[in-house]
């Protein structure tokens, strides 16, 4: 089968690999119908994920059809259309029982697919702990609607949930990239008093203004004064940092009011520093870490009810054989790209997303 493989820092290649097989009774084999490229894949490419294993198939954002299940799998069956969770989790350890599935103690627990074990930018993928890692897609939900459920939409949902948002809050989201836009949709589910999106890219700001006309927008250089002007207590009540740059990490706590919650969603290329002498008196609560992706069934229900819709983020579609072109487009942010869908089919699908 075709698969996109991490060779070494700075280099992925499209290769032929054997089709995966069941290794454990709790495994499933999924034929990938659509996958996508995530910024985390670029972090692997650039050497910012030390645990990534050379030789693995990359990709952790995908949907597909179940081809085969192990004898112990009970929640899905052959032929089901499914989302694939970015996290691998056993469902039984201390952390899983508390909903902290990113910290599953299984050797393949946490972010494994496309990082430490073969992922889904391929024709087929093996999914460990399939009862936890796969969710059946409702018949009325398309593959494109479900594509981001297992990763960036789960991230946005998790980030909004742990931020403890109320209807009285002013919420600031730093970054309007794909994960930022998913986070925005999930924040809006809580109906806060105001939502502000800060983004430096004019095209992304225009996207927010077009699709979310009730959301306030600003740029990084104006973010502090704009947030103070458009909040009730000298800053945002909740800040969600989704951009992942040193200046946005600093903006996150600068734009927060005293006693606010700052949720750090982003993955950084370099270490960040908390300048405690400057921020000490603000009494901030920071929440950080990888997504606990255990809300996929609820997210699919919200999509089915029309409460979430991320299809507008898919601006381009490529066949798997052209995935290198898809990466080039996404990494260099050309042609107004937001997210790229990669078809598991080998025939040409056309470059523009439908």
Protein backbone atom coordinates (compact mmCIF):
# COMPACT_ATOMS: atom_id res chain seq x y z
CA UNK A 1 0.00 0.00 0.00
CA UNK A 2 1.02 3.65 -0.37
CA UNK A 3 2.12 5.38 2.84
CA UNK A 4 3.81 8.68 3.70
CA UNK A 5 6.81 7.95 5.90
CA UNK A 6 9.02 9.97 8.26
CA UNK A 7 12.61 9.29 7.17
CA UNK A 8 14.65 11.83 9.14
CA UNK A 9 14.45 15.43 10.27
CA UNK A 10 13.24 17.49 7.33
CA UNK A 11 12.27 14.56 5.10
CA UNK A 12 9.09 12.56 4.49
CA UNK A 13 8.74 10.19 1.52
CA UNK A 14 5.90 8.34 -0.19
CA UNK A 15 6.69 4.62 -0.09
CA UNK A 16 5.15 1.20 -0.63
CA UNK A 17 4.56 -0.66 2.64
CA UNK A 18 2.87 -3.92 3.56
CA UNK A 19 -0.77 -3.57 4.51
CA UNK A 20 -1.07 -3.64 8.32
CA UNK A 21 -2.35 -6.73 10.10
CA UNK A 22 -4.03 -7.34 13.44
CA UNK A 23 -1.47 -7.73 16.22
CA UNK A 24 -3.81 -7.88 19.20
CA UNK A 25 -7.43 -8.98 19.73
CA UNK A 26 -8.29 -5.35 20.56
CA UNK A 27 -6.98 -4.03 17.19
CA UNK A 28 -8.90 -3.00 14.10
CA UNK A 29 -7.75 -2.40 10.53
CA UNK A 30 -9.29 0.67 8.88
CA UNK A 31 -9.26 1.53 5.18
CA UNK A 32 -8.54 5.25 5.16
CA UNK A 33 -10.98 7.21 3.00
CA UNK A 34 -9.83 10.70 4.03
CA UNK A 35 -6.88 11.93 6.05
CA UNK A 36 -5.51 15.38 6.69
CA UNK A 37 -2.26 17.17 7.41
CA UNK A 38 -1.86 18.66 10.87
CA UNK A 39 0.61 21.23 12.11
CA UNK A 40 1.85 18.51 14.48
CA UNK A 41 2.98 16.57 11.38
CA UNK A 42 5.11 19.58 10.49
CA UNK A 43 6.54 19.57 14.01
CA UNK A 44 7.64 15.96 13.39
CA UNK A 45 9.17 16.94 10.06
CA UNK A 46 11.13 19.76 11.67
CA UNK A 47 12.45 17.64 14.53
CA UNK A 48 10.32 19.20 17.28
CA UNK A 49 8.84 15.86 18.43
CA UNK A 50 11.74 13.82 19.85
CA UNK A 51 9.55 10.77 20.49
CA UNK A 52 8.64 10.50 16.78
CA UNK A 53 10.19 7.36 15.33
CA UNK A 54 11.92 7.44 11.93
CA UNK A 55 10.32 4.93 9.59
CA UNK A 56 6.76 5.39 10.87
CA UNK A 57 3.87 6.35 8.62
CA UNK A 58 2.78 9.84 9.63
CA UNK A 59 -0.75 11.16 10.03
CA UNK A 60 -3.17 11.08 12.95
CA UNK A 61 -6.22 12.84 11.51
CA UNK A 62 -8.39 10.46 9.49
CA UNK A 63 -11.70 8.73 8.83
CA UNK A 64 -12.32 5.44 7.09
CA UNK A 65 -14.12 2.12 6.86
CA UNK A 66 -13.47 -0.82 9.19
CA UNK A 67 -11.96 -3.70 7.22
CA UNK A 68 -11.17 -6.15 10.02
CA UNK A 69 -11.57 -6.33 13.79
CA UNK A 70 -9.89 -8.38 16.50
CA UNK A 71 -11.79 -10.96 18.49
CA UNK A 72 -12.07 -8.68 21.56
CA UNK A 73 -13.51 -5.65 19.72
CA UNK A 74 -17.19 -5.10 20.55
CA UNK A 75 -18.18 -1.49 19.75
CA UNK A 76 -17.60 -1.46 15.98
CA UNK A 77 -17.80 -4.02 13.19
CA UNK A 78 -16.54 -4.59 9.67
CA UNK A 79 -18.08 -2.10 7.25
CA UNK A 80 -18.64 0.69 9.79
CA UNK A 81 -17.58 4.20 8.81
CA UNK A 82 -15.47 5.54 11.66
CA UNK A 83 -13.47 8.44 12.98
CA UNK A 84 -10.03 7.61 14.38
CA UNK A 85 -9.02 9.19 17.67
CA UNK A 86 -5.67 10.98 17.81
CA UNK A 87 -5.06 9.36 21.21
CA UNK A 88 -4.47 5.67 21.84
CA UNK A 89 -5.84 4.73 25.24
CA UNK A 90 -6.62 1.51 27.06
CA UNK A 91 -9.64 2.81 28.98
CA UNK A 92 -8.60 0.93 32.11
CA UNK A 93 -5.54 2.57 33.71
CA UNK A 94 -5.72 5.26 36.42
CA UNK A 95 -5.45 8.11 33.93
CA UNK A 96 -8.00 6.69 31.48
CA UNK A 97 -10.52 6.11 34.29
CA UNK A 98 -10.26 9.80 35.15
CA UNK A 99 -10.65 10.94 31.53
CA UNK A 100 -6.98 11.90 31.16
CA UNK A 101 -6.49 9.64 28.17
CA UNK A 102 -3.52 11.60 26.83
CA UNK A 103 -1.59 10.14 29.75
CA UNK A 104 -2.62 6.50 29.26
CA UNK A 105 0.11 4.30 30.72
CA UNK A 106 -0.02 1.70 27.92
CA UNK A 107 3.27 1.60 25.96
CA UNK A 108 1.34 2.85 22.92
CA UNK A 109 -0.79 5.24 24.98
CA UNK A 110 -1.22 8.94 24.24
CA UNK A 111 -0.27 10.34 20.88
CA UNK A 112 1.03 7.21 19.18
CA UNK A 113 -0.56 7.08 15.71
CA UNK A 114 1.68 8.80 13.20
CA UNK A 115 4.29 9.49 15.87
CA UNK A 116 5.42 6.23 17.50
CA UNK A 117 3.35 3.71 15.50
CA UNK A 118 2.20 3.81 11.88
CA UNK A 119 -0.47 6.43 11.26
CA UNK A 120 -3.08 7.21 8.67
CA UNK A 121 -1.54 9.06 5.74
CA UNK A 122 -1.77 5.71 4.01
CA UNK A 123 -4.31 3.42 2.41
CA UNK A 124 -4.78 1.39 5.63
CA UNK A 125 -4.05 1.88 9.32
CA UNK A 126 -4.00 -0.43 12.33
CA UNK A 127 -5.79 1.10 15.33
CA UNK A 128 -4.94 -0.35 18.77
CA UNK A 129 -7.69 -0.41 21.41
CA UNK A 130 -10.28 0.00 18.68
CA UNK A 131 -13.19 0.13 21.14
CA UNK A 132 -11.74 3.36 22.52
CA UNK A 133 -10.01 4.67 19.40
CA UNK A 134 -12.85 4.38 16.86
CA UNK A 135 -16.28 6.01 16.80
CA UNK A 136 -18.96 5.11 14.29
CA UNK A 137 -19.96 8.03 12.05
CA UNK A 138 -23.74 8.60 11.92
CA UNK A 139 -25.28 7.86 8.53
CA UNK A 140 -26.26 11.50 8.03
CA UNK A 141 -22.70 12.77 8.65
CA UNK A 142 -20.27 12.78 5.72
CA UNK A 143 -16.60 11.84 5.83
CA UNK A 144 -15.69 15.49 5.28
CA UNK A 145 -17.89 16.58 8.19
CA UNK A 146 -16.24 13.98 10.44
CA UNK A 147 -12.64 14.39 9.29
CA UNK A 148 -11.43 16.58 12.18
CA UNK A 149 -13.41 14.89 14.97
CA UNK A 150 -10.53 12.77 16.21
CA UNK A 151 -7.92 15.53 16.41
CA UNK A 152 -8.28 19.29 15.98
CA UNK A 153 -12.00 19.37 16.69
CA UNK A 154 -11.45 17.15 19.74
CA UNK A 155 -8.67 19.55 20.75
CA UNK A 156 -10.93 22.57 20.45
CA UNK A 157 -13.71 20.81 22.37
CA UNK A 158 -11.33 19.75 25.15
CA UNK A 159 -9.78 23.23 25.37
CA UNK A 160 -13.17 24.92 25.65
CA UNK A 161 -14.35 22.38 28.22
CA UNK A 162 -11.38 22.75 30.58
CA UNK A 163 -11.48 26.57 30.31
CA UNK A 164 -14.64 26.69 32.47
CA UNK A 165 -16.39 29.23 30.24
CA UNK A 166 -19.55 30.95 31.49
CA UNK A 167 -22.07 33.18 29.75
CA UNK A 168 -20.64 36.22 31.55
CA UNK A 169 -17.15 35.74 30.15
CA UNK A 170 -15.08 37.54 27.57
CA UNK A 171 -13.05 34.82 25.83
CA UNK A 172 -9.91 35.60 23.85
CA UNK A 173 -8.62 33.05 21.32
CA UNK A 174 -5.07 33.60 20.10
CA UNK A 175 -4.67 32.11 16.63
CA UNK A 176 -7.15 31.50 13.79
CA UNK A 177 -5.40 28.57 12.18
CA UNK A 178 -7.27 25.27 11.79
CA UNK A 179 -7.13 24.36 15.49
CA UNK A 180 -7.99 27.92 16.46
CA UNK A 181 -11.06 27.86 14.22
CA UNK A 182 -12.17 24.53 15.69
CA UNK A 183 -11.62 25.97 19.16
CA UNK A 184 -13.71 29.00 18.22
CA UNK A 185 -16.66 26.82 17.20
CA UNK A 186 -16.45 24.90 20.46
CA UNK A 187 -16.16 28.08 22.57
CA UNK A 188 -19.31 29.43 20.91
CA UNK A 189 -21.22 26.38 22.18
CA UNK A 190 -20.95 27.92 25.67
CA UNK A 191 -22.50 31.25 24.52
CA UNK A 192 -20.04 33.57 26.30
CA UNK A 193 -20.79 37.30 26.39
CA UNK A 194 -17.97 38.14 23.98
CA UNK A 195 -15.46 36.21 21.90
CA UNK A 196 -12.35 37.89 20.53
CA UNK A 197 -10.07 36.23 17.97
CA UNK A 198 -6.51 37.55 17.58
CA UNK A 199 -4.72 36.68 14.34
CA UNK A 200 -1.97 38.31 12.28
CA UNK A 201 -2.81 36.71 8.92
CA UNK A 202 -5.28 38.96 6.99
CA UNK A 203 -6.80 36.00 5.11
CA UNK A 204 -7.52 34.14 8.31
CA UNK A 205 -8.99 37.24 9.90
CA UNK A 206 -11.23 37.66 6.85
CA UNK A 207 -12.34 34.04 7.21
CA UNK A 208 -13.40 34.68 10.82
CA UNK A 209 -15.19 37.91 9.90
CA UNK A 210 -17.03 36.20 7.04
CA UNK A 211 -18.11 33.05 8.87
CA UNK A 212 -18.53 34.43 12.43
CA UNK A 213 -19.79 38.02 12.10
CA UNK A 214 -20.60 38.34 15.82
CA UNK A 215 -17.02 37.55 16.85
CA UNK A 216 -14.63 40.44 17.56
CA UNK A 217 -11.28 40.38 15.75
CA UNK A 218 -7.95 42.03 16.40
CA UNK A 219 -4.26 41.70 15.57
CA UNK A 220 -1.34 40.91 17.92
CA UNK A 221 -0.03 44.47 18.10
CA UNK A 222 -3.47 45.73 19.18
CA UNK A 223 -4.51 42.72 21.25
CA UNK A 224 -3.81 44.08 24.75
CA UNK A 225 -5.56 47.42 24.31
CA UNK A 226 -8.41 45.89 22.29
CA UNK A 227 -9.06 43.19 24.88
CA UNK A 228 -8.98 45.68 27.75
CA UNK A 229 -11.41 47.94 25.89
CA UNK A 230 -13.80 45.10 25.09
CA UNK A 231 -13.90 43.34 28.44
CA UNK A 232 -15.46 44.17 31.78
CA UNK A 233 -12.57 43.67 34.21
CA UNK A 234 -9.39 44.86 32.53
CA UNK A 235 -8.77 41.80 30.40
CA UNK A 236 -10.19 38.54 29.13
CA UNK A 237 -11.78 36.18 31.64
CA UNK A 238 -10.60 33.18 29.61
CA UNK A 239 -7.66 33.08 27.19
CA UNK A 240 -7.05 30.13 24.87
CA UNK A 241 -3.58 30.18 23.29
CA UNK A 242 -3.75 28.20 20.06
CA UNK A 243 -1.07 29.93 17.96
CA UNK A 244 2.11 28.49 19.44
CA UNK A 245 4.59 31.36 19.08
CA UNK A 246 6.71 33.08 21.75
CA UNK A 247 4.87 36.39 21.29
CA UNK A 248 1.44 34.75 21.58
CA UNK A 249 2.49 32.85 24.71
CA UNK A 250 3.35 36.21 26.25
CA UNK A 251 0.16 37.84 24.96
CA UNK A 252 -1.88 35.11 26.60
CA UNK A 253 -1.07 36.18 30.14
CA UNK A 254 -0.77 39.86 29.29
CA UNK A 255 -4.33 39.95 27.91
CA UNK A 256 -5.82 38.03 30.83
CA UNK A 257 -7.51 39.81 33.70
CA UNK A 258 -6.38 39.00 37.25
CA UNK A 259 -7.59 35.57 38.39
CA UNK A 260 -8.34 34.49 34.83
CA UNK A 261 -7.82 31.05 33.30
CA UNK A 262 -5.23 30.74 30.53
CA UNK A 263 -5.50 27.52 28.54
CA UNK A 264 -2.43 26.71 26.46
CA UNK A 265 -3.54 24.55 23.55
CA UNK A 266 -0.57 25.11 21.25
CA UNK A 267 2.50 22.94 20.76
CA UNK A 268 5.71 25.00 20.67
CA UNK A 269 8.93 24.41 18.80
CA UNK A 270 10.96 25.84 21.69
CA UNK A 271 10.69 26.11 25.46
CA UNK A 272 8.67 29.02 26.83
CA UNK A 273 9.34 30.95 30.05
CA UNK A 274 6.89 32.24 32.62
CA UNK A 275 8.22 35.65 33.76
CA UNK A 276 6.88 35.27 37.29
CA UNK A 277 8.10 38.65 38.64
CA UNK A 278 6.02 40.40 35.97
CA UNK A 279 2.89 38.28 36.26
CA UNK A 280 2.95 37.14 39.86
CA UNK A 281 0.20 39.43 41.16
CA UNK A 282 -2.26 38.47 38.42
CA UNK A 283 -3.00 35.17 40.21
CA UNK A 284 -3.56 33.32 36.93
CA UNK A 285 -4.51 29.69 36.52
CA UNK A 286 -2.71 27.98 33.62
CA UNK A 287 -4.06 24.83 32.02
CA UNK A 288 -1.78 23.09 29.55
CA UNK A 289 -1.08 19.85 27.79
CA UNK A 290 -2.13 17.47 25.07
CA UNK A 291 -5.78 16.92 24.21
CA UNK A 292 -7.72 14.33 26.18
CA UNK A 293 -9.54 13.08 23.09
CA UNK A 294 -12.37 11.18 24.75
CA UNK A 295 -15.28 13.35 23.58
CA UNK A 296 -15.55 12.15 19.98
CA UNK A 297 -18.98 10.55 20.32
CA UNK A 298 -20.40 13.78 21.77
CA UNK A 299 -18.74 15.80 19.01
CA UNK A 300 -20.29 13.55 16.35
CA UNK A 301 -23.71 14.07 17.95
CA UNK A 302 -23.20 17.84 17.79
CA UNK A 303 -22.25 17.59 14.12
CA UNK A 304 -25.31 15.44 13.46
CA UNK A 305 -27.51 18.11 15.12
CA UNK A 306 -25.92 20.91 13.09
CA UNK A 307 -24.19 22.50 16.10
CA UNK A 308 -20.66 22.05 14.67
CA UNK A 309 -19.57 22.19 11.04
CA UNK A 310 -15.91 22.36 10.04
CA UNK A 311 -16.26 21.52 6.35
CA UNK A 312 -15.48 25.12 5.35
CA UNK A 313 -11.96 24.58 6.71
CA UNK A 314 -11.25 22.03 3.94
CA UNK A 315 -10.01 24.29 1.17
CA UNK A 316 -8.07 21.73 -0.90
CA UNK A 317 -8.23 18.00 -1.64
CA UNK A 318 -5.44 15.82 -3.04
CA UNK A 319 -5.14 12.12 -3.84
CA UNK A 320 -2.71 10.22 -1.64
CA UNK A 321 -0.19 9.86 -4.45
CA UNK A 322 0.14 13.68 -4.51
CA UNK A 323 0.53 14.11 -0.75
CA UNK A 324 3.95 15.78 -1.13
CA UNK A 325 2.26 18.59 -3.06
CA UNK A 326 -0.37 18.81 -0.35
CA UNK A 327 2.34 19.22 2.30
CA UNK A 328 4.10 21.89 0.27
CA UNK A 329 0.86 23.86 -0.05
CA UNK A 330 -0.05 23.50 3.63
CA UNK A 331 3.39 24.19 5.05
CA UNK A 332 3.91 27.30 2.93
CA UNK A 333 0.30 28.48 3.41
CA UNK A 334 -0.28 29.17 -0.27
CA UNK A 335 -3.51 29.68 -2.20
CA UNK A 336 -5.58 30.54 0.88
CA UNK A 337 -5.16 27.06 2.34
CA UNK A 338 -6.66 26.30 5.73
CA UNK A 339 -6.84 22.50 5.77
CA UNK A 340 -6.05 19.88 3.17
CA UNK A 341 -7.97 16.62 2.79
CA UNK A 342 -6.03 13.67 1.38
CA UNK A 343 -8.15 11.05 -0.34
CA UNK A 344 -7.29 7.42 0.28
CA UNK A 345 -8.21 6.71 -3.32
CA UNK A 346 -5.39 6.56 -5.81
CA UNK A 347 -7.31 8.20 -8.64
CA UNK A 348 -7.06 11.97 -9.02
CA UNK A 349 -9.60 13.91 -6.99
CA UNK A 350 -8.69 17.41 -8.09
CA UNK A 351 -6.78 19.92 -6.06
CA UNK A 352 -9.52 22.21 -4.79
CA UNK A 353 -11.79 21.05 -1.99
CA UNK A 354 -15.43 20.77 -2.92
